[in-house]
Amino acid sequence: MKGLIIIYIFVLFNFLESISCAPTNTDQDHRPVAYRDADIRKALFQPLNFWRPERYKWPQGTLPYVLSPLYTSAERNIVLNAIAEWEAKTCVRFIPRQPHHVDYLEITPDDSTSSYCYSYVGRQGGRQLMKMFGECLRHAAMIHELGHAIAYHYAFDKYSSDQVDNLGTPYDYTSVMQYPYYAFSDGDPNRPAMTLPDGSIDSIRYEAQQLSSMDIYKVNLYYNNCN
């Protein structure tokens, strides 16, 4: 009986965690960012890693996708330009979904359930929603969220960001997955939510507008150059 209670508590904790990492756009939670997953939807029982395990890879680095007809022409261009950034600099490819594609990414401004932007991390299986709308529809944010879909976690989602990640590469402060220092602090630049180990903020002052050389290297390494 005691064992069953422990299992129940474990299941309940993980279920609540999957809900609590879904704040609205007006979220004012000031917990350290390392404990916040504002734009990631996680499956239950999955420990947080810098890169998802092998089973979350998209075969040959190819992501079939559907782009919602609800987007305006200008909004579609934002999405397509972000896709072009990943395709031009890495081996990853995004292709329009065909009927035989069982696993695919659906990029939409409306999922009828949530009030925030999000992406799952890596291939989940079946129809996989990625919600992007409003202020999220900007180039830097789109590149970032597509990175999650590829299987890339936040650059700061580690116990110590000044150490190496599980690909054996140094921490990259210029990564597209690195938020600016004031993220999750109501956007107030006078209240940094994160700093570098030496207390400075210069290297994380702005969100990256393009993939860093380390982003490119890591994605190609993770996908074995998409072979």
Protein backbone atom coordinates (compact mmCIF):
# COMPACT_ATOMS: atom_id res chain seq x y z
CA MET A 1 0.00 0.00 0.00
CA LYS A 2 2.83 2.38 0.89
CA GLY A 3 4.40 1.71 -2.50
CA LEU A 4 1.14 2.56 -4.25
CA ILE A 5 0.90 5.85 -2.35
CA ILE A 6 4.43 6.80 -3.39
CA ILE A 7 3.67 5.99 -7.03
CA TYR A 8 0.46 8.05 -6.86
CA ILE A 9 2.29 11.05 -5.42
CA PHE A 10 4.95 10.77 -8.13
CA VAL A 11 2.32 10.68 -10.89
CA LEU A 12 0.42 13.59 -9.36
CA PHE A 13 3.58 15.69 -9.03
CA ASN A 14 4.53 15.18 -12.66
CA PHE A 15 1.00 15.94 -13.81
CA LEU A 16 0.94 19.20 -11.87
CA GLU A 17 4.36 20.10 -13.23
CA SER A 18 3.09 19.75 -16.77
CA ILE A 19 0.29 22.21 -15.95
CA SER A 20 2.35 24.70 -13.97
CA CYS A 21 4.79 25.22 -16.82
CA ALA A 22 2.03 26.85 -18.85
CA PRO A 23 1.69 30.48 -17.70
CA THR A 24 -0.38 33.03 -19.60
CA ASN A 25 1.10 36.04 -21.35
CA THR A 26 0.52 38.09 -18.20
CA ASP A 27 2.41 35.67 -15.98
CA GLN A 28 4.30 37.41 -13.16
CA ASP A 29 6.07 34.45 -11.59
CA HIS A 30 9.55 35.53 -10.49
CA ARG A 31 11.04 32.12 -9.73
CA PRO A 32 14.53 31.61 -11.17
CA VAL A 33 14.27 31.00 -14.90
CA ALA A 34 16.01 27.63 -14.61
CA TYR A 35 12.75 26.34 -13.10
CA ARG A 36 10.44 27.91 -15.64
CA ASP A 37 9.35 26.37 -18.95
CA ALA A 38 7.02 29.08 -20.18
CA ASP A 39 7.07 28.04 -23.83
CA ILE A 40 7.75 24.30 -23.56
CA ARG A 41 5.15 21.57 -23.29
CA LYS A 42 6.63 18.43 -21.74
CA ALA A 43 5.40 14.87 -21.78
CA LEU A 44 5.02 13.26 -18.35
CA PHE A 45 7.97 11.51 -16.68
CA GLN A 46 10.57 13.08 -18.98
CA PRO A 47 13.59 14.52 -17.14
CA LEU A 48 14.86 17.81 -18.48
CA ASN A 49 17.95 17.45 -20.68
CA PHE A 50 19.74 19.84 -22.97
CA TRP A 51 18.92 17.56 -25.88
CA ARG A 52 16.14 15.01 -25.99
CA PRO A 53 17.01 11.29 -26.21
CA GLU A 54 17.39 9.59 -29.58
CA ARG A 55 13.72 8.62 -29.83
CA TYR A 56 12.74 12.31 -30.04
CA LYS A 57 14.78 12.91 -33.17
CA TRP A 58 13.02 13.54 -36.45
CA PRO A 59 14.15 10.88 -38.97
CA GLN A 60 17.01 12.20 -41.11
CA GLY A 61 16.41 15.61 -39.53
CA THR A 62 13.28 16.15 -41.61
CA LEU A 63 10.23 17.81 -40.03
CA PRO A 64 6.98 17.54 -42.00
CA TYR A 65 4.84 20.55 -41.12
CA VAL A 66 1.47 22.18 -41.67
CA LEU A 67 1.10 25.95 -41.54
CA SER A 68 -2.33 27.16 -40.42
CA PRO A 69 -4.44 29.05 -42.99
CA LEU A 70 -5.38 31.44 -40.16
CA TYR A 71 -2.06 33.26 -40.56
CA THR A 72 -1.90 36.41 -42.67
CA SER A 73 0.58 36.64 -45.52
CA ALA A 74 2.95 38.72 -43.36
CA GLU A 75 2.71 36.21 -40.50
CA ARG A 76 3.38 33.29 -42.84
CA ASN A 77 6.51 35.04 -44.03
CA ILE A 78 7.78 35.33 -40.44
CA VAL A 79 7.38 31.58 -40.00
CA LEU A 80 8.89 30.74 -43.38
CA ASN A 81 11.86 33.07 -42.85
CA ALA A 82 12.62 31.37 -39.53
CA ILE A 83 12.40 27.97 -41.24
CA ALA A 84 14.75 29.26 -43.94
CA GLU A 85 17.27 30.27 -41.24
CA TRP A 86 17.42 26.70 -39.89
CA GLU A 87 17.55 25.15 -43.36
CA ALA A 88 20.24 27.49 -44.69
CA LYS A 89 22.63 26.86 -41.81
CA THR A 90 21.96 23.28 -40.64
CA CYS A 91 21.14 19.91 -42.15
CA VAL A 92 17.58 20.06 -40.75
CA ARG A 93 14.78 20.30 -43.30
CA PHE A 94 11.13 21.34 -42.98
CA ILE A 95 8.86 19.90 -45.66
CA PRO A 96 5.12 20.36 -46.26
CA ARG A 97 3.27 17.44 -44.75
CA GLN A 98 2.00 14.75 -47.11
CA PRO A 99 -0.76 12.18 -46.35
CA HIS A 100 1.79 9.47 -45.54
CA HIS A 101 3.47 11.58 -42.84
CA VAL A 102 2.14 10.27 -39.53
CA ASP A 103 4.35 12.47 -37.34
CA TYR A 104 4.23 16.15 -38.19
CA LEU A 105 4.40 19.67 -36.79
CA GLU A 106 1.34 21.90 -37.02
CA ILE A 107 2.12 25.59 -36.55
CA THR A 108 -0.99 27.52 -35.58
CA PRO A 109 -2.09 30.76 -33.88
CA ASP A 110 -5.01 29.01 -32.18
CA ASP A 111 -5.19 25.63 -30.45
CA SER A 112 -8.52 26.39 -28.69
CA THR A 113 -7.05 25.44 -25.31
CA SER A 114 -4.28 27.79 -24.20
CA SER A 115 -3.50 31.50 -23.97
CA TYR A 116 0.26 31.30 -24.50
CA CYS A 117 2.78 30.36 -27.15
CA TYR A 118 4.48 26.99 -26.87
CA SER A 119 6.29 24.16 -28.58
CA TYR A 120 6.94 20.57 -27.58
CA VAL A 121 10.59 19.58 -27.53
CA GLY A 122 11.50 17.07 -30.21
CA ARG A 123 9.27 14.65 -32.11
CA GLN A 124 6.32 13.53 -29.97
CA GLY A 125 4.50 11.32 -32.48
CA GLY A 126 1.37 12.09 -34.47
CA ARG A 127 -0.01 15.61 -34.81
CA GLN A 128 2.24 17.95 -32.83
CA LEU A 129 1.02 21.47 -32.17
CA MET A 130 3.22 24.53 -31.99
CA LYS A 131 1.25 27.64 -31.09
CA MET A 132 2.61 31.02 -32.19
CA PHE A 133 0.61 34.24 -32.22
CA GLY A 134 0.71 37.91 -31.24
CA GLU A 135 4.04 39.09 -29.84
CA CYS A 136 5.50 35.63 -30.43
CA LEU A 137 5.32 36.20 -34.16
CA ARG A 138 8.74 37.77 -34.56
CA HIS A 139 11.83 36.33 -36.18
CA ALA A 140 13.87 35.67 -33.03
CA ALA A 141 10.99 33.95 -31.24
CA MET A 142 10.14 31.79 -34.25
CA ILE A 143 13.73 30.59 -34.60
CA HIS A 144 13.76 29.81 -30.87
CA GLU A 145 10.51 27.81 -30.92
CA LEU A 146 11.48 25.88 -34.04
CA GLY A 147 14.63 24.99 -32.12
CA HIS A 148 12.46 23.40 -29.44
CA ALA A 149 10.57 21.41 -32.08
CA ILE A 150 13.90 20.17 -33.46
CA ALA A 151 14.71 18.90 -29.92
CA TYR A 152 16.73 21.82 -28.54
CA HIS A 153 16.09 22.90 -24.92
CA TYR A 154 16.75 26.31 -23.43
CA ALA A 155 20.41 27.18 -23.33
CA PHE A 156 20.07 27.84 -19.59
CA ASP A 157 18.17 24.64 -18.72
CA LYS A 158 21.06 23.06 -16.86
CA TYR A 159 22.15 23.05 -13.26
CA SER A 160 25.17 25.18 -14.12
CA SER A 161 25.26 27.04 -17.41
CA ASP A 162 29.00 27.67 -17.17
CA GLN A 163 29.66 23.94 -17.55
CA VAL A 164 29.51 21.81 -20.69
CA ASP A 165 26.25 20.36 -21.93
CA ASN A 166 25.64 16.74 -22.79
CA LEU A 167 27.07 17.14 -26.30
CA GLY A 168 30.41 17.97 -24.78
CA THR A 169 30.36 21.57 -26.02
CA PRO A 170 30.81 24.79 -24.04
CA TYR A 171 27.85 26.85 -22.90
CA ASP A 172 26.83 29.31 -25.60
CA TYR A 173 25.63 32.71 -24.39
CA THR A 174 24.91 33.77 -27.98
CA SER A 175 22.56 30.83 -28.67
CA VAL A 176 19.10 31.44 -30.10
CA MET A 177 17.90 29.41 -27.11
CA GLN A 178 19.34 31.95 -24.64
CA TYR A 179 16.82 34.47 -23.34
CA PRO A 180 17.88 38.06 -22.65
CA TYR A 181 18.75 38.82 -19.04
CA TYR A 182 15.41 40.47 -18.21
CA ALA A 183 13.20 37.62 -19.47
CA PHE A 184 10.64 36.50 -16.86
CA SER A 185 11.09 39.74 -14.90
CA ASP A 186 8.13 41.60 -16.45
CA GLY A 187 10.51 42.79 -19.17
CA ASP A 188 12.04 45.28 -16.73
CA PRO A 189 15.72 45.79 -17.72
CA ASN A 190 16.43 47.04 -14.20
CA ARG A 191 15.46 43.68 -12.72
CA PRO A 192 17.68 41.03 -14.33
CA ALA A 193 16.29 37.53 -13.93
CA MET A 194 19.61 35.98 -14.88
CA THR A 195 23.26 36.98 -15.02
CA LEU A 196 26.51 35.40 -16.11
CA PRO A 197 28.63 33.65 -13.46
CA ASP A 198 30.61 36.87 -12.95
CA GLY A 199 27.42 38.87 -12.44
CA SER A 200 27.55 40.64 -15.82
CA ILE A 201 24.74 40.82 -18.36
CA ASP A 202 26.43 42.17 -21.51
CA SER A 203 26.54 38.82 -23.35
CA ILE A 204 22.83 38.18 -22.77
CA ARG A 205 21.51 41.72 -23.22
CA TYR A 206 19.46 40.96 -26.34
CA GLU A 207 17.73 37.94 -27.84
CA ALA A 208 19.64 36.42 -30.73
CA GLN A 209 18.33 37.19 -34.21
CA GLN A 210 20.17 34.34 -35.93
CA LEU A 211 21.74 30.98 -35.18
CA SER A 212 25.12 31.11 -33.51
CA SER A 213 28.01 29.06 -34.84
CA MET A 214 27.59 26.79 -31.81
CA ASP A 215 23.85 26.35 -32.49
CA ILE A 216 24.71 25.21 -35.99
CA TYR A 217 27.42 22.86 -34.78
CA LYS A 218 25.23 21.31 -32.06
CA VAL A 219 22.23 20.68 -34.31
CA ASN A 220 24.36 19.05 -36.98
CA LEU A 221 26.15 17.01 -34.32
CA TYR A 222 22.89 15.89 -32.69
CA TYR A 223 21.48 14.83 -36.06
CA ASN A 224 24.76 13.31 -37.27
CA ASN A 225 24.72 15.78 -40.17
CA CYS A 226 21.22 14.45 -40.88
CA ASN A 227 22.43 11.14 -42.28
